[in-house]
Amino acid sequence: MSVLELRGIDKHYGGPPVVQGVSLTVDAGETVALIGPNGAGKTTLFSVMAGEQTPDAGSVHLFGQDVTRAGARRLARSGVARTFQVARCFPTMSVERNVVLACDAAAGRHRRFWAGPSRPDDAVDEALTAAGLQGRRTTTGAALSQGDRKNLEIAMATVQRPRLLLLDEPTAGMAPEDLPRTIGILRDLRRERPELAVVVTAHDMDVVFALADRVVLMAGGRVVLDDRPEVVRDAPQTREIYLGGSRTGERA
């Protein structure tokens, strides 16, 4: 079943197109990685998927419905959750309260920031445990390491029980020793929720090839390759456009 379908997406900001004629389908249970050099159009395309940008041409379909002009709020209510390259949380609030608020938002509840449940919902406990943050639940967001902030954001996204999860550089700025834990968290998520569709952008090839079922290589706003990870890894276009001759597994 197709969860997300992009048809002929164009986007520009008054100059040359940033995204040109991109068509892409993501199925239920599939993890698709977007890779490419800086300026390839990945961030813009990701924002279109999330409803934060409206394309100048083409259409976006979610679960078979045209949502091209629906906006981010409606997409979130329809089962889309996302993380950001620079992790976003409430820095003065505890880890637990951040996840509670994300859970409330998904359920349409509007709890006052200073109020809270006498005990967290089971969904909150589950999200904290999955993200390895049970022991940090009273820690403020500001006091977390970069790796834990990124994992907190993953918990805030997954507690919403999305059907489509958009992960923007989920390991960006993370210490090397934190990478295996975050990759493990995302692998466990895929195993526990086999119906979940995931789109991930990443520069770290270890992350891409550890998680993706398909890899989409972009350059100049266009899709250059869309295939299995090993096919994209070994393609000459990948080495020329993205890896710059470096060995697969090195960060680019």
C-alpha atoms as a PDB file:
ATOM      1  CA  MET A   1       0.000   0.000   0.000  1.00  0.00           C
ATOM      2  CA  SER A   2       1.303   3.428  -0.949  1.00  0.00           C
ATOM      3  CA  VAL A   3       1.571   5.758   2.045  1.00  0.00           C
ATOM      4  CA  LEU A   4       3.209   8.738   0.326  1.00  0.00           C
ATOM      5  CA  GLU A   5       3.325   9.586  -3.365  1.00  0.00           C
ATOM      6  CA  LEU A   6       4.997  12.628  -4.897  1.00  0.00           C
ATOM      7  CA  ARG A   7       4.102  13.365  -8.516  1.00  0.00           C
ATOM      8  CA  GLY A   8       6.267  15.718 -10.560  1.00  0.00           C
ATOM      9  CA  ILE A   9       7.220  18.039  -7.705  1.00  0.00           C
ATOM     10  CA  ASP A  10       8.781  21.397  -8.632  1.00  0.00           C
ATOM     11  CA  LYS A  11       9.780  24.061  -6.124  1.00  0.00           C
ATOM     12  CA  HIS A  12      11.604  27.349  -6.571  1.00  0.00           C
ATOM     13  CA  TYR A  13      12.071  30.536  -4.593  1.00  0.00           C
ATOM     14  CA  GLY A  14      12.053  33.116  -7.350  1.00  0.00           C
ATOM     15  CA  GLY A  15      15.163  31.745  -9.070  1.00  0.00           C
ATOM     16  CA  PRO A  16      16.156  28.430 -10.661  1.00  0.00           C
ATOM     17  CA  PRO A  17      14.166  25.420  -9.412  1.00  0.00           C
ATOM     18  CA  VAL A  18      15.422  23.904  -6.178  1.00  0.00           C
ATOM     19  CA  VAL A  19      13.441  20.710  -6.834  1.00  0.00           C
ATOM     20  CA  GLN A  20      12.651  19.681 -10.396  1.00  0.00           C
ATOM     21  CA  GLY A  21      10.165  17.038 -11.516  1.00  0.00           C
ATOM     22  CA  VAL A  22      10.602  14.722  -8.547  1.00  0.00           C
ATOM     23  CA  SER A  23       8.313  11.691  -8.391  1.00  0.00           C
ATOM     24  CA  LEU A  24       8.630   9.274  -5.497  1.00  0.00           C
ATOM     25  CA  THR A  25       6.514   6.623  -3.784  1.00  0.00           C
ATOM     26  CA  VAL A  26       6.938   5.292  -0.246  1.00  0.00           C
ATOM     27  CA  ASP A  27       5.035   2.160   0.752  1.00  0.00           C
ATOM     28  CA  ALA A  28       3.864   0.975   4.154  1.00  0.00           C
ATOM     29  CA  GLY A  29       6.658  -0.770   6.015  1.00  0.00           C
ATOM     30  CA  GLU A  30       9.354   0.745   3.809  1.00  0.00           C
ATOM     31  CA  THR A  31      12.291   2.909   4.840  1.00  0.00           C
ATOM     32  CA  VAL A  32      13.544   5.237   2.100  1.00  0.00           C
ATOM     33  CA  ALA A  33      16.753   7.253   2.521  1.00  0.00           C
ATOM     34  CA  LEU A  34      17.305  10.561   0.698  1.00  0.00           C
ATOM     35  CA  ILE A  35      20.965  11.298   0.061  1.00  0.00           C
ATOM     36  CA  GLY A  36      22.868  13.855  -1.985  1.00  0.00           C
ATOM     37  CA  PRO A  37      25.331  16.717  -1.704  1.00  0.00           C
ATOM     38  CA  ASN A  38      24.470  20.049  -0.109  1.00  0.00           C
ATOM     39  CA  GLY A  39      22.150  21.948  -2.425  1.00  0.00           C
ATOM     40  CA  ALA A  40      20.669  18.777  -3.921  1.00  0.00           C
ATOM     41  CA  GLY A  41      17.138  19.742  -2.870  1.00  0.00           C
ATOM     42  CA  LYS A  42      16.704  17.184  -0.086  1.00  0.00           C
ATOM     43  CA  THR A  43      15.683  19.674   2.600  1.00  0.00           C
ATOM     44  CA  THR A  44      13.138  21.374   0.357  1.00  0.00           C
ATOM     45  CA  LEU A  45      11.668  18.055  -0.761  1.00  0.00           C
ATOM     46  CA  PHE A  46      11.496  16.931   2.870  1.00  0.00           C
ATOM     47  CA  SER A  47       9.577  20.114   3.765  1.00  0.00           C
ATOM     48  CA  VAL A  48       7.139  19.433   0.930  1.00  0.00           C
ATOM     49  CA  MET A  49       6.546  15.921   2.293  1.00  0.00           C
ATOM     50  CA  ALA A  50       5.839  17.365   5.748  1.00  0.00           C
ATOM     51  CA  GLY A  51       3.394  19.970   4.400  1.00  0.00           C
ATOM     52  CA  GLU A  52       5.639  22.869   5.419  1.00  0.00           C
ATOM     53  CA  GLN A  53       6.229  23.926   1.812  1.00  0.00           C
ATOM     54  CA  THR A  54       3.702  23.929  -1.026  1.00  0.00           C
ATOM     55  CA  PRO A  55       5.126  22.829  -4.380  1.00  0.00           C
ATOM     56  CA  ASP A  56       4.912  25.160  -7.366  1.00  0.00           C
ATOM     57  CA  ALA A  57       4.008  22.213  -9.588  1.00  0.00           C
ATOM     58  CA  GLY A  58       3.075  18.597  -9.015  1.00  0.00           C
ATOM     59  CA  SER A  59       1.073  16.964  -6.232  1.00  0.00           C
ATOM     60  CA  VAL A  60       1.481  15.177  -2.908  1.00  0.00           C
ATOM     61  CA  HIS A  61      -0.723  12.214  -2.020  1.00  0.00           C
ATOM     62  CA  LEU A  62      -0.981  10.720   1.472  1.00  0.00           C
ATOM     63  CA  PHE A  63      -2.818   7.402   1.842  1.00  0.00           C
ATOM     64  CA  GLY A  64      -4.309   8.016  -1.599  1.00  0.00           C
ATOM     65  CA  GLN A  65      -5.627  11.504  -0.792  1.00  0.00           C
ATOM     66  CA  ASP A  66      -4.363  14.698  -2.427  1.00  0.00           C
ATOM     67  CA  VAL A  67      -2.786  16.751   0.384  1.00  0.00           C
ATOM     68  CA  THR A  68      -0.719  19.106  -1.775  1.00  0.00           C
ATOM     69  CA  ARG A  69      -2.082  22.218  -0.061  1.00  0.00           C
ATOM     70  CA  ALA A  70      -3.172  20.681   3.226  1.00  0.00           C
ATOM     71  CA  GLY A  71      -0.389  22.123   5.384  1.00  0.00           C
ATOM     72  CA  ALA A  72       1.689  20.623   8.175  1.00  0.00           C
ATOM     73  CA  ARG A  73      -1.028  20.649  10.854  1.00  0.00           C
ATOM     74  CA  ARG A  74      -3.460  18.608   8.778  1.00  0.00           C
ATOM     75  CA  LEU A  75      -0.741  16.156   7.782  1.00  0.00           C
ATOM     76  CA  ALA A  76       0.209  15.726  11.427  1.00  0.00           C
ATOM     77  CA  ARG A  77      -3.429  14.947  12.260  1.00  0.00           C
ATOM     78  CA  SER A  78      -3.433  12.468   9.364  1.00  0.00           C
ATOM     79  CA  GLY A  79      -0.550  10.430  10.741  1.00  0.00           C
ATOM     80  CA  VAL A  80       2.672  12.227   9.759  1.00  0.00           C
ATOM     81  CA  ALA A  81       5.368  12.972  12.346  1.00  0.00           C
ATOM     82  CA  ARG A  82       8.818  14.421  11.772  1.00  0.00           C
ATOM     83  CA  THR A  83      12.107  15.250  13.432  1.00  0.00           C
ATOM     84  CA  PHE A  84      14.473  18.084  12.546  1.00  0.00           C
ATOM     85  CA  GLN A  85      18.160  18.331  11.701  1.00  0.00           C
ATOM     86  CA  VAL A  86      18.579  20.602  14.732  1.00  0.00           C
ATOM     87  CA  ALA A  87      16.683  18.802  17.483  1.00  0.00           C
ATOM     88  CA  ARG A  88      13.648  20.687  18.775  1.00  0.00           C
ATOM     89  CA  CYS A  89      12.304  20.292  22.292  1.00  0.00           C
ATOM     90  CA  PHE A  90      11.247  22.470  25.230  1.00  0.00           C
ATOM     91  CA  PRO A  91      14.668  22.997  26.834  1.00  0.00           C
ATOM     92  CA  THR A  92      13.428  24.011  30.294  1.00  0.00           C
ATOM     93  CA  MET A  93      11.008  21.090  30.581  1.00  0.00           C
ATOM     94  CA  SER A  94      11.811  17.550  31.613  1.00  0.00           C
ATOM     95  CA  VAL A  95      12.268  14.739  29.134  1.00  0.00           C
ATOM     96  CA  GLU A  96       9.019  13.185  30.341  1.00  0.00           C
ATOM     97  CA  ARG A  97       7.044  16.435  30.011  1.00  0.00           C
ATOM     98  CA  ASN A  98       8.310  16.922  26.438  1.00  0.00           C
ATOM     99  CA  VAL A  99       7.011  13.495  25.459  1.00  0.00           C
ATOM    100  CA  VAL A 100       3.725  14.002  27.359  1.00  0.00           C
ATOM    101  CA  LEU A 101       3.093  17.229  25.445  1.00  0.00           C
ATOM    102  CA  ALA A 102       3.796  15.525  22.127  1.00  0.00           C
ATOM    103  CA  CYS A 103       1.398  12.731  23.108  1.00  0.00           C
ATOM    104  CA  ASP A 104      -1.275  15.255  24.112  1.00  0.00           C
ATOM    105  CA  ALA A 105      -0.868  17.184  20.861  1.00  0.00           C
ATOM    106  CA  ALA A 106      -1.392  14.023  18.823  1.00  0.00           C
ATOM    107  CA  ALA A 107      -4.514  13.199  20.835  1.00  0.00           C
ATOM    108  CA  GLY A 108      -5.888  16.720  20.453  1.00  0.00           C
ATOM    109  CA  ARG A 109      -5.456  17.523  24.132  1.00  0.00           C
ATOM    110  CA  HIS A 110      -4.105  20.910  25.209  1.00  0.00           C
ATOM    111  CA  ARG A 111      -2.686  20.461  28.686  1.00  0.00           C
ATOM    112  CA  ARG A 112      -1.257  23.605  30.273  1.00  0.00           C
ATOM    113  CA  PHE A 113       2.532  23.488  30.325  1.00  0.00           C
ATOM    114  CA  TRP A 114       2.745  23.627  34.118  1.00  0.00           C
ATOM    115  CA  ALA A 115       0.114  20.934  34.578  1.00  0.00           C
ATOM    116  CA  GLY A 116       0.762  17.254  34.132  1.00  0.00           C
ATOM    117  CA  PRO A 117      -0.743  13.849  34.700  1.00  0.00           C
ATOM    118  CA  SER A 118      -0.333  12.144  38.060  1.00  0.00           C
ATOM    119  CA  ARG A 119       1.302   9.327  36.116  1.00  0.00           C
ATOM    120  CA  PRO A 120       2.441   9.257  32.503  1.00  0.00           C
ATOM    121  CA  ASP A 121       0.395   7.447  29.887  1.00  0.00           C
ATOM    122  CA  ASP A 122       1.532   3.978  28.885  1.00  0.00           C
ATOM    123  CA  ALA A 123       2.386   5.399  25.461  1.00  0.00           C
ATOM    124  CA  VAL A 124       4.779   7.877  27.072  1.00  0.00           C
ATOM    125  CA  ASP A 125       6.482   5.133  29.084  1.00  0.00           C
ATOM    126  CA  GLU A 126       6.799   3.039  25.944  1.00  0.00           C
ATOM    127  CA  ALA A 127       8.322   5.897  23.926  1.00  0.00           C
ATOM    128  CA  LEU A 128      10.814   6.764  26.685  1.00  0.00           C
ATOM    129  CA  THR A 129      11.873   3.147  27.044  1.00  0.00           C
ATOM    130  CA  ALA A 130      12.267   2.675  23.290  1.00  0.00           C
ATOM    131  CA  ALA A 131      14.454   5.792  23.093  1.00  0.00           C
ATOM    132  CA  GLY A 132      16.615   4.695  26.030  1.00  0.00           C
ATOM    133  CA  LEU A 133      15.504   7.673  28.131  1.00  0.00           C
ATOM    134  CA  GLN A 134      13.691   6.061  31.058  1.00  0.00           C
ATOM    135  CA  GLY A 135      16.589   6.971  33.329  1.00  0.00           C
ATOM    136  CA  ARG A 136      16.598  10.598  32.159  1.00  0.00           C
ATOM    137  CA  ARG A 137      12.897  11.350  32.452  1.00  0.00           C
ATOM    138  CA  THR A 138      13.335  14.162  35.006  1.00  0.00           C
ATOM    139  CA  THR A 139      16.300  15.723  33.182  1.00  0.00           C
ATOM    140  CA  THR A 140      15.576  18.961  31.322  1.00  0.00           C
ATOM    141  CA  GLY A 141      15.975  19.076  27.574  1.00  0.00           C
ATOM    142  CA  ALA A 142      18.751  21.640  27.892  1.00  0.00           C
ATOM    143  CA  ALA A 143      20.817  19.305  30.082  1.00  0.00           C
ATOM    144  CA  LEU A 144      20.825  16.440  27.582  1.00  0.00           C
ATOM    145  CA  SER A 145      23.722  15.551  25.327  1.00  0.00           C
ATOM    146  CA  GLN A 146      23.236  16.034  21.595  1.00  0.00           C
ATOM    147  CA  GLY A 147      22.678  12.301  21.184  1.00  0.00           C
ATOM    148  CA  ASP A 148      20.012  12.211  23.894  1.00  0.00           C
ATOM    149  CA  ARG A 149      18.308  15.321  22.478  1.00  0.00           C
ATOM    150  CA  LYS A 150      18.050  13.621  19.107  1.00  0.00           C
ATOM    151  CA  ASN A 151      16.669  10.487  20.764  1.00  0.00           C
ATOM    152  CA  LEU A 152      14.197  12.605  22.744  1.00  0.00           C
ATOM    153  CA  GLU A 153      12.939  14.046  19.477  1.00  0.00           C
ATOM    154  CA  ILE A 154      12.500  10.525  18.114  1.00  0.00           C
ATOM    155  CA  ALA A 155      10.471   9.672  21.242  1.00  0.00           C
ATOM    156  CA  MET A 156       8.349  12.810  20.766  1.00  0.00           C
ATOM    157  CA  ALA A 157       7.631  11.756  17.178  1.00  0.00           C
ATOM    158  CA  THR A 158       6.944   8.073  17.795  1.00  0.00           C
ATOM    159  CA  VAL A 159       4.641   8.674  20.799  1.00  0.00           C
ATOM    160  CA  GLN A 160       2.241  10.215  18.266  1.00  0.00           C
ATOM    161  CA  ARG A 161       1.870   6.765  16.662  1.00  0.00           C
ATOM    162  CA  PRO A 162       2.470   8.070  13.130  1.00  0.00           C
ATOM    163  CA  ARG A 163       1.931   6.064   9.969  1.00  0.00           C
ATOM    164  CA  LEU A 164       4.629   8.075   8.181  1.00  0.00           C
ATOM    165  CA  LEU A 165       7.775   9.125  10.060  1.00  0.00           C
ATOM    166  CA  LEU A 166      10.092  11.731   8.530  1.00  0.00           C
ATOM    167  CA  LEU A 167      13.579  11.733  10.068  1.00  0.00           C
ATOM    168  CA  ASP A 168      15.758  14.688   9.098  1.00  0.00           C
ATOM    169  CA  GLU A 169      19.405  13.825   9.859  1.00  0.00           C
ATOM    170  CA  PRO A 170      18.571  11.813  13.010  1.00  0.00           C
ATOM    171  CA  THR A 171      22.261  11.454  13.940  1.00  0.00           C
ATOM    172  CA  ALA A 172      23.488  14.959  12.991  1.00  0.00           C
ATOM    173  CA  GLY A 173      26.069  16.312  15.415  1.00  0.00           C
ATOM    174  CA  MET A 174      26.045  13.120  17.440  1.00  0.00           C
ATOM    175  CA  ALA A 175      29.208  11.772  19.037  1.00  0.00           C
ATOM    176  CA  PRO A 176      30.483   8.636  17.244  1.00  0.00           C
ATOM    177  CA  GLU A 177      29.924   6.513  20.340  1.00  0.00           C
ATOM    178  CA  ASP A 178      26.222   7.468  20.337  1.00  0.00           C
ATOM    179  CA  LEU A 179      25.568   6.364  16.740  1.00  0.00           C
ATOM    180  CA  PRO A 180      25.086   2.620  17.359  1.00  0.00           C
ATOM    181  CA  ARG A 181      22.476   3.267  20.057  1.00  0.00           C
ATOM    182  CA  THR A 182      20.396   5.546  17.821  1.00  0.00           C
ATOM    183  CA  ILE A 183      20.664   3.148  14.882  1.00  0.00           C
ATOM    184  CA  GLY A 184      19.514   0.392  17.247  1.00  0.00           C
ATOM    185  CA  ILE A 185      16.551   2.498  18.412  1.00  0.00           C
ATOM    186  CA  LEU A 186      15.428   3.022  14.822  1.00  0.00           C
ATOM    187  CA  ARG A 187      15.937  -0.638  13.901  1.00  0.00           C
ATOM    188  CA  ASP A 188      13.869  -1.699  16.915  1.00  0.00           C
ATOM    189  CA  LEU A 189      11.151   0.754  15.893  1.00  0.00           C
ATOM    190  CA  ARG A 190      10.977  -0.813  12.436  1.00  0.00           C
ATOM    191  CA  ARG A 191      10.755  -4.295  13.923  1.00  0.00           C
ATOM    192  CA  GLU A 192       8.038  -3.338  16.431  1.00  0.00           C
ATOM    193  CA  ARG A 193       6.009  -1.339  13.908  1.00  0.00           C
ATOM    194  CA  PRO A 194       6.411  -3.198  10.600  1.00  0.00           C
ATOM    195  CA  GLU A 195       3.646  -1.156   8.963  1.00  0.00           C
ATOM    196  CA  LEU A 196       5.402   2.182   9.560  1.00  0.00           C
ATOM    197  CA  ALA A 197       6.703   4.056   6.512  1.00  0.00           C
ATOM    198  CA  VAL A 198       9.914   6.027   7.109  1.00  0.00           C
ATOM    199  CA  VAL A 199      11.766   8.640   5.061  1.00  0.00           C
ATOM    200  CA  VAL A 200      15.209   9.547   6.380  1.00  0.00           C
ATOM    201  CA  THR A 201      17.772  12.080   5.200  1.00  0.00           C
ATOM    202  CA  ALA A 202      21.362  11.429   6.236  1.00  0.00           C
ATOM    203  CA  HIS A 203      24.923  12.226   5.281  1.00  0.00           C
ATOM    204  CA  ASP A 204      26.335   9.341   7.288  1.00  0.00           C
ATOM    205  CA  MET A 205      26.512   6.303   5.031  1.00  0.00           C
ATOM    206  CA  ASP A 206      26.583   3.915   7.980  1.00  0.00           C
ATOM    207  CA  VAL A 207      23.158   5.214   8.986  1.00  0.00           C
ATOM    208  CA  VAL A 208      21.793   5.030   5.435  1.00  0.00           C
ATOM    209  CA  PHE A 209      22.865   1.475   4.763  1.00  0.00           C
ATOM    210  CA  ALA A 210      21.921   0.271   8.244  1.00  0.00           C
ATOM    211  CA  LEU A 211      18.311   1.428   7.914  1.00  0.00           C
ATOM    212  CA  ALA A 212      17.186   1.870   4.304  1.00  0.00           C
ATOM    213  CA  ASP A 213      15.287  -0.516   2.064  1.00  0.00           C
ATOM    214  CA  ARG A 214      15.687   1.949  -0.792  1.00  0.00           C
ATOM    215  CA  VAL A 215      18.059   4.847  -1.375  1.00  0.00           C
ATOM    216  CA  VAL A 216      17.180   7.903  -3.464  1.00  0.00           C
ATOM    217  CA  LEU A 217      20.181   9.904  -4.686  1.00  0.00           C
ATOM    218  CA  MET A 218      19.442  13.536  -5.541  1.00  0.00           C
ATOM    219  CA  ALA A 219      21.580  16.128  -7.307  1.00  0.00           C
ATOM    220  CA  GLY A 220      20.628  19.487  -8.782  1.00  0.00           C
ATOM    221  CA  GLY A 221      17.071  19.143  -7.501  1.00  0.00           C
ATOM    222  CA  ARG A 222      16.453  15.924  -9.423  1.00  0.00           C
ATOM    223  CA  VAL A 223      16.381  12.220  -8.615  1.00  0.00           C
ATOM    224  CA  VAL A 224      19.472  10.610 -10.123  1.00  0.00           C
ATOM    225  CA  LEU A 225      19.055   7.096  -8.728  1.00  0.00           C
ATOM    226  CA  ASP A 226      16.271   5.269  -6.867  1.00  0.00           C
ATOM    227  CA  ASP A 227      17.177   1.674  -6.043  1.00  0.00           C
ATOM    228  CA  ARG A 228      18.275  -0.827  -3.430  1.00  0.00           C
ATOM    229  CA  PRO A 229      21.063   0.381  -1.124  1.00  0.00           C
ATOM    230  CA  GLU A 230      23.716  -1.899  -2.602  1.00  0.00           C
ATOM    231  CA  VAL A 231      22.870  -0.791  -6.148  1.00  0.00           C
ATOM    232  CA  VAL A 232      23.111   2.908  -5.250  1.00  0.00           C
ATOM    233  CA  ARG A 233      26.268   2.294  -3.218  1.00  0.00           C
ATOM    234  CA  ASP A 234      28.055   0.667  -6.150  1.00  0.00           C
ATOM    235  CA  ALA A 235      26.788   3.008  -8.877  1.00  0.00           C
ATOM    236  CA  PRO A 236      29.415   5.283 -10.466  1.00  0.00           C
ATOM    237  CA  GLN A 237      27.010   8.236 -10.180  1.00  0.00           C
ATOM    238  CA  THR A 238      27.030   7.888  -6.397  1.00  0.00           C
ATOM    239  CA  ARG A 239      30.780   8.018  -6.144  1.00  0.00           C
ATOM    240  CA  GLU A 240      30.974  10.928  -8.571  1.00  0.00           C
ATOM    241  CA  ILE A 241      28.085  13.034  -7.236  1.00  0.00           C
ATOM    242  CA  TYR A 242      27.883  12.220  -3.562  1.00  0.00           C
ATOM    243  CA  LEU A 243      30.823  10.327  -2.152  1.00  0.00           C
ATOM    244  CA  GLY A 244      33.498  12.205  -4.053  1.00  0.00           C
ATOM    245  CA  GLY A 245      35.559   9.072  -4.398  1.00  0.00           C
ATOM    246  CA  SER A 246      35.514   8.208  -0.684  1.00  0.00           C
ATOM    247  CA  ARG A 247      34.909   4.673   0.535  1.00  0.00           C
ATOM    248  CA  THR A 248      31.369   3.689   1.424  1.00  0.00           C
ATOM    249  CA  GLY A 249      30.980   3.866   5.192  1.00  0.00           C
ATOM    250  CA  GLU A 250      32.870   7.132   5.535  1.00  0.00           C
ATOM    251  CA  ARG A 251      30.944  10.255   6.413  1.00  0.00           C
ATOM    252  CA  ALA A 252      30.335  12.678   3.591  1.00  0.00           C
END
